[in-house]
């Protein structure tokens, strides 16, 4: 088991190596509620979080946003009544980087009330 949530994002640059297939598979094993999707030919990880109402969804969105600012890595967030969809990918490499897996795991910790 890789403790992605305990890792820190690194500065990513154009040409940085993408996450390996092994890293992505390990992440999906450790965090099975995430899925790999492709949007506009760019691989991403996505998870839909269920919450009690809009206020809870907005609170969760704000916590993920604060994490994104601290780490300098930002997701796509869709906030709706009772749910938040989070997608992570790295714009500079047009795909998945280790940072995305780290942030996905940290997002799960926020959801579980164990904010990083």
C-alpha atoms as a PDB file:
ATOM      1  CA  UNK A   1       0.000   0.000   0.000  1.00  0.00           C
ATOM      2  CA  UNK A   2       1.356   3.399  -0.988  1.00  0.00           C
ATOM      3  CA  UNK A   3       0.529   6.222   1.417  1.00  0.00           C
ATOM      4  CA  UNK A   4      -0.220   8.821  -1.252  1.00  0.00           C
ATOM      5  CA  UNK A   5      -2.075  11.039   1.236  1.00  0.00           C
ATOM      6  CA  UNK A   6       1.126  11.435   3.264  1.00  0.00           C
ATOM      7  CA  UNK A   7       3.136  12.656   0.273  1.00  0.00           C
ATOM      8  CA  UNK A   8       3.620  16.257  -0.869  1.00  0.00           C
ATOM      9  CA  UNK A   9       3.136  17.516  -4.408  1.00  0.00           C
ATOM     10  CA  UNK A  10       6.237  18.482  -6.323  1.00  0.00           C
ATOM     11  CA  UNK A  11       6.543  21.339  -8.756  1.00  0.00           C
ATOM     12  CA  UNK A  12       5.570  19.971 -12.144  1.00  0.00           C
ATOM     13  CA  UNK A  13       7.014  21.195 -15.406  1.00  0.00           C
ATOM     14  CA  UNK A  14       6.339  20.595 -19.062  1.00  0.00           C
ATOM     15  CA  UNK A  15       7.961  17.293 -19.948  1.00  0.00           C
ATOM     16  CA  UNK A  16       7.718  15.866 -16.405  1.00  0.00           C
ATOM     17  CA  UNK A  17       7.233  12.104 -16.410  1.00  0.00           C
ATOM     18  CA  UNK A  18       3.631  10.955 -16.126  1.00  0.00           C
ATOM     19  CA  UNK A  19       2.479   8.610 -13.397  1.00  0.00           C
ATOM     20  CA  UNK A  20       3.378   5.049 -14.263  1.00  0.00           C
ATOM     21  CA  UNK A  21       0.763   2.405 -14.903  1.00  0.00           C
ATOM     22  CA  UNK A  22       1.907   0.706 -11.704  1.00  0.00           C
ATOM     23  CA  UNK A  23       1.419   3.914  -9.682  1.00  0.00           C
ATOM     24  CA  UNK A  24      -2.069   4.422 -11.105  1.00  0.00           C
ATOM     25  CA  UNK A  25      -3.039   0.793 -10.446  1.00  0.00           C
ATOM     26  CA  UNK A  26      -1.747   1.036  -6.863  1.00  0.00           C
ATOM     27  CA  UNK A  27      -3.725   4.243  -6.360  1.00  0.00           C
ATOM     28  CA  UNK A  28      -6.914   2.610  -7.685  1.00  0.00           C
ATOM     29  CA  UNK A  29      -6.344  -0.359  -5.375  1.00  0.00           C
ATOM     30  CA  UNK A  30      -5.810   1.907  -2.378  1.00  0.00           C
ATOM     31  CA  UNK A  31      -8.604   4.326  -3.367  1.00  0.00           C
ATOM     32  CA  UNK A  32     -11.177   2.174  -5.191  1.00  0.00           C
ATOM     33  CA  UNK A  33     -13.866   4.869  -5.457  1.00  0.00           C
ATOM     34  CA  UNK A  34     -11.784   6.719  -8.046  1.00  0.00           C
ATOM     35  CA  UNK A  35     -11.838   5.926 -11.745  1.00  0.00           C
ATOM     36  CA  UNK A  36      -9.632   6.814 -14.672  1.00  0.00           C
ATOM     37  CA  UNK A  37     -11.469   8.702 -17.398  1.00  0.00           C
ATOM     38  CA  UNK A  38     -10.409  10.485 -20.558  1.00  0.00           C
ATOM     39  CA  UNK A  39     -11.649  14.004 -21.316  1.00  0.00           C
ATOM     40  CA  UNK A  40     -10.556  15.658 -24.550  1.00  0.00           C
ATOM     41  CA  UNK A  41      -7.936  12.920 -24.968  1.00  0.00           C
ATOM     42  CA  UNK A  42      -6.445  13.670 -21.520  1.00  0.00           C
ATOM     43  CA  UNK A  43      -6.433  10.935 -18.864  1.00  0.00           C
ATOM     44  CA  UNK A  44      -7.796  12.067 -15.501  1.00  0.00           C
ATOM     45  CA  UNK A  45      -8.955  10.563 -12.238  1.00  0.00           C
ATOM     46  CA  UNK A  46     -12.511  11.254 -11.097  1.00  0.00           C
ATOM     47  CA  UNK A  47     -14.609  10.595  -8.047  1.00  0.00           C
ATOM     48  CA  UNK A  48     -18.135  11.627  -7.110  1.00  0.00           C
ATOM     49  CA  UNK A  49     -18.605  12.302  -3.397  1.00  0.00           C
ATOM     50  CA  UNK A  50     -22.071  11.982  -1.863  1.00  0.00           C
ATOM     51  CA  UNK A  51     -23.004  14.537   0.788  1.00  0.00           C
ATOM     52  CA  UNK A  52     -26.139  15.357   2.772  1.00  0.00           C
ATOM     53  CA  UNK A  53     -27.171  18.596   1.072  1.00  0.00           C
ATOM     54  CA  UNK A  54     -25.901  21.614  -0.829  1.00  0.00           C
ATOM     55  CA  UNK A  55     -24.354  23.252   2.250  1.00  0.00           C
ATOM     56  CA  UNK A  56     -22.296  20.130   2.979  1.00  0.00           C
ATOM     57  CA  UNK A  57     -21.271  19.887  -0.681  1.00  0.00           C
ATOM     58  CA  UNK A  58     -20.177  23.523  -0.702  1.00  0.00           C
ATOM     59  CA  UNK A  59     -18.230  23.079   2.548  1.00  0.00           C
ATOM     60  CA  UNK A  60     -16.433  20.048   1.093  1.00  0.00           C
ATOM     61  CA  UNK A  61     -15.704  21.969  -2.119  1.00  0.00           C
ATOM     62  CA  UNK A  62     -14.173  24.808  -0.113  1.00  0.00           C
ATOM     63  CA  UNK A  63     -11.979  22.387   1.845  1.00  0.00           C
ATOM     64  CA  UNK A  64     -10.728  20.790  -1.372  1.00  0.00           C
ATOM     65  CA  UNK A  65     -10.115  24.269  -2.777  1.00  0.00           C
ATOM     66  CA  UNK A  66      -8.058  25.224   0.285  1.00  0.00           C
ATOM     67  CA  UNK A  67      -6.010  22.029  -0.097  1.00  0.00           C
ATOM     68  CA  UNK A  68      -5.449  22.831  -3.783  1.00  0.00           C
ATOM     69  CA  UNK A  69      -4.158  26.294  -2.901  1.00  0.00           C
ATOM     70  CA  UNK A  70      -1.799  24.910  -0.223  1.00  0.00           C
ATOM     71  CA  UNK A  71      -0.397  22.292  -2.603  1.00  0.00           C
ATOM     72  CA  UNK A  72      -0.363  24.501  -5.701  1.00  0.00           C
ATOM     73  CA  UNK A  73      -2.285  21.895  -7.703  1.00  0.00           C
ATOM     74  CA  UNK A  74      -5.887  22.489  -8.741  1.00  0.00           C
ATOM     75  CA  UNK A  75      -8.759  20.172  -9.755  1.00  0.00           C
ATOM     76  CA  UNK A  76     -11.968  20.549 -11.671  1.00  0.00           C
ATOM     77  CA  UNK A  77     -14.800  20.708  -9.132  1.00  0.00           C
ATOM     78  CA  UNK A  78     -18.511  20.394  -9.823  1.00  0.00           C
ATOM     79  CA  UNK A  79     -20.661  21.217  -6.787  1.00  0.00           C
ATOM     80  CA  UNK A  80     -24.290  20.143  -6.846  1.00  0.00           C
ATOM     81  CA  UNK A  81     -26.992  19.472  -4.266  1.00  0.00           C
ATOM     82  CA  UNK A  82     -25.696  16.515  -2.262  1.00  0.00           C
ATOM     83  CA  UNK A  83     -22.655  15.731  -4.378  1.00  0.00           C
ATOM     84  CA  UNK A  84     -19.292  16.991  -5.555  1.00  0.00           C
ATOM     85  CA  UNK A  85     -17.442  15.632  -8.572  1.00  0.00           C
ATOM     86  CA  UNK A  86     -13.665  16.020  -8.386  1.00  0.00           C
ATOM     87  CA  UNK A  87     -11.299  15.488 -11.316  1.00  0.00           C
ATOM     88  CA  UNK A  88      -7.504  15.642 -11.045  1.00  0.00           C
ATOM     89  CA  UNK A  89      -4.982  15.760 -13.884  1.00  0.00           C
ATOM     90  CA  UNK A  90      -1.888  17.758 -14.691  1.00  0.00           C
ATOM     91  CA  UNK A  91      -2.341  20.405 -17.345  1.00  0.00           C
ATOM     92  CA  UNK A  92       1.371  20.821 -18.060  1.00  0.00           C
ATOM     93  CA  UNK A  93       1.792  17.202 -19.153  1.00  0.00           C
ATOM     94  CA  UNK A  94      -1.753  16.640 -20.471  1.00  0.00           C
ATOM     95  CA  UNK A  95      -2.227  13.600 -18.271  1.00  0.00           C
ATOM     96  CA  UNK A  96      -1.752  11.990 -14.905  1.00  0.00           C
ATOM     97  CA  UNK A  97       1.209  12.815 -12.692  1.00  0.00           C
ATOM     98  CA  UNK A  98       2.053  11.488  -9.242  1.00  0.00           C
ATOM     99  CA  UNK A  99       0.676  14.803  -7.909  1.00  0.00           C
ATOM    100  CA  UNK A 100      -2.806  13.816  -9.081  1.00  0.00           C
ATOM    101  CA  UNK A 101      -2.701  10.560  -7.151  1.00  0.00           C
ATOM    102  CA  UNK A 102      -1.454  12.382  -4.054  1.00  0.00           C
ATOM    103  CA  UNK A 103      -4.260  14.922  -4.325  1.00  0.00           C
ATOM    104  CA  UNK A 104      -6.885  12.251  -4.917  1.00  0.00           C
ATOM    105  CA  UNK A 105      -5.838  10.474  -1.728  1.00  0.00           C
ATOM    106  CA  UNK A 106      -5.797  13.751   0.201  1.00  0.00           C
ATOM    107  CA  UNK A 107      -9.277  14.575  -1.116  1.00  0.00           C
ATOM    108  CA  UNK A 108     -10.499  11.242   0.264  1.00  0.00           C
ATOM    109  CA  UNK A 109      -9.023  12.131   3.663  1.00  0.00           C
ATOM    110  CA  UNK A 110     -10.924  15.415   3.674  1.00  0.00           C
ATOM    111  CA  UNK A 111     -14.127  13.513   2.891  1.00  0.00           C
ATOM    112  CA  UNK A 112     -13.475  11.132   5.771  1.00  0.00           C
ATOM    113  CA  UNK A 113     -12.935  14.062   8.133  1.00  0.00           C
ATOM    114  CA  UNK A 114      -9.193  13.493   8.379  1.00  0.00           C
ATOM    115  CA  UNK A 115      -8.124  16.632   6.532  1.00  0.00           C
ATOM    116  CA  UNK A 116      -4.448  16.762   5.547  1.00  0.00           C
END
